Amino acid sequence: MNLADMNRMMKQFQKMQEEMAKAQERLAEIEVEGSAGGGAVKAYCTGKQEMRRIEIDPAAVDPNDVDMLQDLVLAAVNDALRKSQERAAQELARVTGGLQLPPGLPF
């Protein structure tokens, strides 16, 4: 590999880093919804897997069945996180062109 090839590769890498930073910013603004119990419990998180809020339909609150509500909340949160991870993978694949990057790179 000659110096010109190395410089071209470094410029491409820098451009990819810039695009990844922009993608990370977009992910922070994206909001996905997870739900459980037919929408009785909804969880919202960003594309960076940060929970924003949880909404619980008052009809889902039964003081005699707290376990059910806890299960619904967990299911809604897990659904939101799964959707968030899928969305993040899609966003980052646009930048990398589907390139499988090794773990530990600064992206």
N, C-alpha and C. Protein backbone atom coordinates (compact mmCIF):
# COMPACT_ATOMS: atom_id res chain seq x y z
N MET A 1 0.86 -1.17 0.00
CA MET A 1 0.00 0.00 0.00
C MET A 1 0.90 1.24 0.00
N ASN A 2 0.66 2.13 -0.96
CA ASN A 2 1.50 3.32 -1.03
C ASN A 2 0.90 4.46 -0.20
N LEU A 3 1.62 5.55 -0.11
CA LEU A 3 1.23 6.68 0.73
C LEU A 3 -0.09 7.29 0.26
N ALA A 4 -0.30 7.40 -1.04
CA ALA A 4 -1.54 7.97 -1.57
C ALA A 4 -2.74 7.11 -1.17
N ASP A 5 -2.59 5.79 -1.26
CA ASP A 5 -3.67 4.89 -0.85
C ASP A 5 -3.96 5.03 0.63
N MET A 6 -2.89 5.16 1.41
CA MET A 6 -3.05 5.29 2.86
C MET A 6 -3.77 6.61 3.19
N ASN A 7 -3.40 7.70 2.51
CA ASN A 7 -4.07 8.99 2.74
C ASN A 7 -5.54 8.92 2.36
N ARG A 8 -5.84 8.29 1.24
CA ARG A 8 -7.22 8.16 0.78
C ARG A 8 -8.03 7.35 1.80
N MET A 9 -7.43 6.28 2.31
CA MET A 9 -8.11 5.45 3.29
C MET A 9 -8.36 6.24 4.59
N MET A 10 -7.40 7.03 5.01
CA MET A 10 -7.56 7.83 6.22
C MET A 10 -8.67 8.87 6.04
N LYS A 11 -8.76 9.48 4.86
CA LYS A 11 -9.82 10.45 4.60
C LYS A 11 -11.19 9.77 4.63
N GLN A 12 -11.26 8.57 4.06
CA GLN A 12 -12.52 7.83 4.09
C GLN A 12 -12.90 7.47 5.52
N PHE A 13 -11.92 7.10 6.31
CA PHE A 13 -12.17 6.76 7.71
C PHE A 13 -12.65 7.99 8.47
N GLN A 14 -12.04 9.15 8.24
CA GLN A 14 -12.46 10.38 8.91
C GLN A 14 -13.88 10.75 8.51
N LYS A 15 -14.20 10.58 7.24
CA LYS A 15 -15.56 10.89 6.78
C LYS A 15 -16.56 9.95 7.46
N MET A 16 -16.20 8.67 7.58
CA MET A 16 -17.09 7.72 8.23
C MET A 16 -17.28 8.10 9.70
N GLN A 17 -16.21 8.55 10.35
CA GLN A 17 -16.33 8.98 11.75
C GLN A 17 -17.30 10.15 11.87
N GLU A 18 -17.21 11.11 10.96
CA GLU A 18 -18.12 12.26 10.98
C GLU A 18 -19.56 11.82 10.77
N GLU A 19 -19.76 10.91 9.82
CA GLU A 19 -21.11 10.41 9.56
C GLU A 19 -21.65 9.61 10.75
N MET A 20 -20.78 8.87 11.41
CA MET A 20 -21.20 8.11 12.60
C MET A 20 -21.61 9.06 13.72
N ALA A 21 -20.88 10.16 13.87
CA ALA A 21 -21.24 11.14 14.90
C ALA A 21 -22.61 11.74 14.60
N LYS A 22 -22.88 12.03 13.34
CA LYS A 22 -24.19 12.55 12.96
C LYS A 22 -25.28 11.51 13.21
N ALA A 23 -24.98 10.26 12.91
CA ALA A 23 -25.95 9.18 13.14
C ALA A 23 -26.24 9.05 14.63
N GLN A 24 -25.22 9.17 15.47
CA GLN A 24 -25.44 9.10 16.92
C GLN A 24 -26.33 10.24 17.38
N GLU A 25 -26.16 11.43 16.81
CA GLU A 25 -27.02 12.56 17.15
C GLU A 25 -28.47 12.27 16.75
N ARG A 26 -28.65 11.71 15.55
CA ARG A 26 -30.00 11.36 15.10
C ARG A 26 -30.63 10.32 16.02
N LEU A 27 -29.83 9.34 16.43
CA LEU A 27 -30.35 8.29 17.31
C LEU A 27 -30.83 8.86 18.65
N ALA A 28 -30.17 9.89 19.13
CA ALA A 28 -30.57 10.51 20.39
C ALA A 28 -31.94 11.19 20.26
N GLU A 29 -32.30 11.58 19.03
CA GLU A 29 -33.57 12.26 18.80
C GLU A 29 -34.71 11.30 18.43
N ILE A 30 -34.36 10.13 17.93
CA ILE A 30 -35.38 9.15 17.54
C ILE A 30 -36.07 8.60 18.78
N GLU A 31 -37.38 8.44 18.68
CA GLU A 31 -38.12 7.83 19.78
C GLU A 31 -38.91 6.64 19.25
N VAL A 32 -38.77 5.51 19.92
CA VAL A 32 -39.53 4.33 19.55
C VAL A 32 -40.45 3.97 20.70
N GLU A 33 -41.53 3.29 20.36
CA GLU A 33 -42.53 2.89 21.37
C GLU A 33 -42.58 1.38 21.47
N GLY A 34 -42.56 0.91 22.68
CA GLY A 34 -42.81 -0.50 22.96
C GLY A 34 -44.08 -0.58 23.75
N SER A 35 -44.81 -1.68 23.61
CA SER A 35 -46.07 -1.78 24.35
C SER A 35 -46.32 -3.21 24.79
N ALA A 36 -47.24 -3.32 25.72
CA ALA A 36 -47.65 -4.63 26.24
C ALA A 36 -49.10 -4.51 26.70
N GLY A 37 -49.74 -5.66 26.81
CA GLY A 37 -51.12 -5.68 27.27
C GLY A 37 -52.06 -4.96 26.33
N GLY A 38 -51.81 -5.12 25.03
CA GLY A 38 -52.68 -4.47 24.05
C GLY A 38 -52.62 -2.95 24.11
N GLY A 39 -51.47 -2.43 24.53
CA GLY A 39 -51.29 -0.98 24.61
C GLY A 39 -51.60 -0.40 25.98
N ALA A 40 -51.92 -1.27 26.95
CA ALA A 40 -52.21 -0.79 28.30
C ALA A 40 -50.98 -0.17 28.94
N VAL A 41 -49.80 -0.67 28.57
CA VAL A 41 -48.54 -0.11 29.06
C VAL A 41 -47.68 0.19 27.84
N LYS A 42 -47.16 1.42 27.80
CA LYS A 42 -46.29 1.83 26.70
C LYS A 42 -45.00 2.38 27.28
N ALA A 43 -43.90 2.01 26.64
CA ALA A 43 -42.58 2.50 27.04
C ALA A 43 -41.95 3.16 25.83
N TYR A 44 -41.30 4.29 26.06
CA TYR A 44 -40.68 5.05 24.99
C TYR A 44 -39.20 5.22 25.29
N CYS A 45 -38.38 4.95 24.28
CA CYS A 45 -36.94 5.16 24.46
C CYS A 45 -36.35 5.72 23.17
N THR A 46 -35.14 6.25 23.30
CA THR A 46 -34.44 6.82 22.15
C THR A 46 -33.75 5.72 21.37
N GLY A 47 -33.21 6.12 20.23
CA GLY A 47 -32.42 5.20 19.43
C GLY A 47 -31.09 4.85 20.09
N LYS A 48 -30.80 5.52 21.20
CA LYS A 48 -29.59 5.21 21.96
C LYS A 48 -29.92 4.38 23.20
N GLN A 49 -31.10 3.79 23.22
CA GLN A 49 -31.58 2.91 24.29
C GLN A 49 -31.68 3.62 25.64
N GLU A 50 -32.07 4.89 25.62
CA GLU A 50 -32.32 5.63 26.85
C GLU A 50 -33.83 5.77 27.01
N MET A 51 -34.35 5.29 28.13
CA MET A 51 -35.78 5.36 28.37
C MET A 51 -36.20 6.81 28.58
N ARG A 52 -37.30 7.20 27.93
CA ARG A 52 -37.80 8.57 28.06
C ARG A 52 -39.00 8.63 28.99
N ARG A 53 -39.93 7.70 28.80
CA ARG A 53 -41.13 7.73 29.64
C ARG A 53 -41.87 6.41 29.53
N ILE A 54 -42.76 6.21 30.49
CA ILE A 54 -43.65 5.05 30.51
C ILE A 54 -45.06 5.57 30.74
N GLU A 55 -45.99 5.06 29.95
CA GLU A 55 -47.40 5.43 30.11
C GLU A 55 -48.18 4.18 30.51
N ILE A 56 -49.02 4.32 31.53
CA ILE A 56 -49.82 3.20 32.01
C ILE A 56 -51.28 3.62 32.00
N ASP A 57 -52.09 2.86 31.29
CA ASP A 57 -53.53 3.10 31.27
C ASP A 57 -54.06 2.82 32.68
N PRO A 58 -54.79 3.74 33.26
CA PRO A 58 -55.32 3.51 34.61
C PRO A 58 -56.11 2.21 34.75
N ALA A 59 -56.71 1.76 33.66
CA ALA A 59 -57.48 0.52 33.72
C ALA A 59 -56.57 -0.69 33.97
N ALA A 60 -55.26 -0.53 33.69
CA ALA A 60 -54.31 -1.64 33.89
C ALA A 60 -53.85 -1.73 35.35
N VAL A 61 -54.21 -0.76 36.15
CA VAL A 61 -53.76 -0.73 37.54
C VAL A 61 -54.79 -1.43 38.43
N ASP A 62 -54.42 -2.59 38.89
CA ASP A 62 -55.27 -3.38 39.80
C ASP A 62 -54.45 -3.61 41.07
N PRO A 63 -54.82 -2.95 42.17
CA PRO A 63 -54.04 -3.10 43.40
C PRO A 63 -53.97 -4.55 43.88
N ASN A 64 -54.87 -5.39 43.42
CA ASN A 64 -54.85 -6.79 43.82
C ASN A 64 -53.98 -7.65 42.91
N ASP A 65 -53.44 -7.04 41.84
CA ASP A 65 -52.61 -7.80 40.90
C ASP A 65 -51.42 -6.96 40.44
N VAL A 66 -50.60 -6.55 41.38
CA VAL A 66 -49.43 -5.74 41.07
C VAL A 66 -48.45 -6.52 40.20
N ASP A 67 -48.36 -7.81 40.40
CA ASP A 67 -47.45 -8.63 39.61
C ASP A 67 -47.73 -8.52 38.11
N MET A 68 -49.00 -8.49 37.75
CA MET A 68 -49.38 -8.37 36.33
C MET A 68 -48.89 -7.03 35.77
N LEU A 69 -49.07 -5.95 36.51
CA LEU A 69 -48.63 -4.64 36.05
C LEU A 69 -47.11 -4.62 35.90
N GLN A 70 -46.40 -5.19 36.84
CA GLN A 70 -44.95 -5.26 36.75
C GLN A 70 -44.51 -6.02 35.50
N ASP A 71 -45.17 -7.12 35.22
CA ASP A 71 -44.86 -7.91 34.03
C ASP A 71 -45.12 -7.10 32.76
N LEU A 72 -46.21 -6.36 32.75
CA LEU A 72 -46.53 -5.54 31.57
C LEU A 72 -45.49 -4.44 31.37
N VAL A 73 -45.06 -3.82 32.45
CA VAL A 73 -44.04 -2.77 32.34
C VAL A 73 -42.75 -3.36 31.79
N LEU A 74 -42.32 -4.48 32.33
CA LEU A 74 -41.10 -5.12 31.83
C LEU A 74 -41.22 -5.50 30.36
N ALA A 75 -42.35 -6.04 29.98
CA ALA A 75 -42.55 -6.44 28.59
C ALA A 75 -42.52 -5.22 27.66
N ALA A 76 -43.14 -4.12 28.08
CA ALA A 76 -43.16 -2.91 27.26
C ALA A 76 -41.75 -2.32 27.13
N VAL A 77 -41.01 -2.29 28.23
CA VAL A 77 -39.63 -1.77 28.20
C VAL A 77 -38.77 -2.63 27.30
N ASN A 78 -38.86 -3.93 27.43
CA ASN A 78 -38.06 -4.82 26.58
C ASN A 78 -38.43 -4.67 25.11
N ASP A 79 -39.71 -4.48 24.83
CA ASP A 79 -40.16 -4.27 23.46
C ASP A 79 -39.56 -2.97 22.91
N ALA A 80 -39.60 -1.92 23.71
CA ALA A 80 -39.04 -0.63 23.27
C ALA A 80 -37.54 -0.74 23.04
N LEU A 81 -36.83 -1.40 23.93
CA LEU A 81 -35.38 -1.55 23.78
C LEU A 81 -35.03 -2.37 22.54
N ARG A 82 -35.79 -3.42 22.29
CA ARG A 82 -35.55 -4.24 21.09
C ARG A 82 -35.74 -3.41 19.83
N LYS A 83 -36.83 -2.64 19.79
CA LYS A 83 -37.10 -1.79 18.62
C LYS A 83 -36.03 -0.72 18.46
N SER A 84 -35.56 -0.19 19.59
CA SER A 84 -34.52 0.83 19.56
C SER A 84 -33.22 0.25 19.00
N GLN A 85 -32.87 -0.94 19.41
CA GLN A 85 -31.65 -1.58 18.91
C GLN A 85 -31.75 -1.85 17.42
N GLU A 86 -32.92 -2.28 16.97
CA GLU A 86 -33.12 -2.52 15.54
C GLU A 86 -32.97 -1.23 14.75
N ARG A 87 -33.56 -0.16 15.28
CA ARG A 87 -33.49 1.13 14.60
C ARG A 87 -32.05 1.64 14.57
N ALA A 88 -31.32 1.48 15.66
CA ALA A 88 -29.92 1.91 15.72
C ALA A 88 -29.10 1.13 14.70
N ALA A 89 -29.32 -0.16 14.60
CA ALA A 89 -28.59 -0.98 13.63
C ALA A 89 -28.87 -0.50 12.21
N GLN A 90 -30.12 -0.13 11.93
CA GLN A 90 -30.46 0.37 10.60
C GLN A 90 -29.76 1.69 10.30
N GLU A 91 -29.78 2.60 11.27
CA GLU A 91 -29.14 3.90 11.09
C GLU A 91 -27.64 3.74 10.86
N LEU A 92 -27.01 2.92 11.67
CA LEU A 92 -25.56 2.76 11.56
C LEU A 92 -25.17 2.00 10.29
N ALA A 93 -26.03 1.10 9.84
CA ALA A 93 -25.75 0.37 8.60
C ALA A 93 -25.75 1.32 7.41
N ARG A 94 -26.56 2.38 7.49
CA ARG A 94 -26.56 3.37 6.40
C ARG A 94 -25.20 4.04 6.29
N VAL A 95 -24.58 4.30 7.42
CA VAL A 95 -23.29 4.98 7.42
C VAL A 95 -22.17 4.04 6.99
N THR A 96 -22.21 2.82 7.49
CA THR A 96 -21.12 1.88 7.21
C THR A 96 -21.35 1.09 5.94
N GLY A 97 -22.52 1.24 5.36
CA GLY A 97 -22.82 0.48 4.15
C GLY A 97 -22.91 -1.00 4.43
N GLY A 98 -23.30 -1.35 5.66
CA GLY A 98 -23.42 -2.75 6.04
C GLY A 98 -22.10 -3.38 6.43
N LEU A 99 -21.04 -2.58 6.43
CA LEU A 99 -19.71 -3.07 6.81
C LEU A 99 -19.75 -3.55 8.26
N GLN A 100 -19.30 -4.74 8.51
CA GLN A 100 -19.24 -5.28 9.87
C GLN A 100 -17.96 -4.78 10.52
N LEU A 101 -18.11 -3.82 11.43
CA LEU A 101 -16.94 -3.26 12.09
C LEU A 101 -16.60 -4.06 13.32
N PRO A 102 -15.31 -4.22 13.59
CA PRO A 102 -14.93 -4.97 14.79
C PRO A 102 -15.31 -4.19 16.05
N PRO A 103 -15.62 -4.90 17.14
CA PRO A 103 -15.98 -4.22 18.38
C PRO A 103 -14.80 -3.38 18.89
N GLY A 104 -15.14 -2.31 19.59
CA GLY A 104 -14.11 -1.48 20.19
C GLY A 104 -13.72 -0.26 19.37
N LEU A 105 -14.23 -0.16 18.14
CA LEU A 105 -13.94 1.05 17.38
C LEU A 105 -14.73 2.21 17.95
N PRO A 106 -14.21 3.44 17.83
CA PRO A 106 -14.84 4.59 18.47
C PRO A 106 -16.08 5.09 17.74
N PHE A 107 -17.12 4.26 17.63
CA PHE A 107 -18.35 4.69 16.96
C PHE A 107 -19.50 4.53 17.89
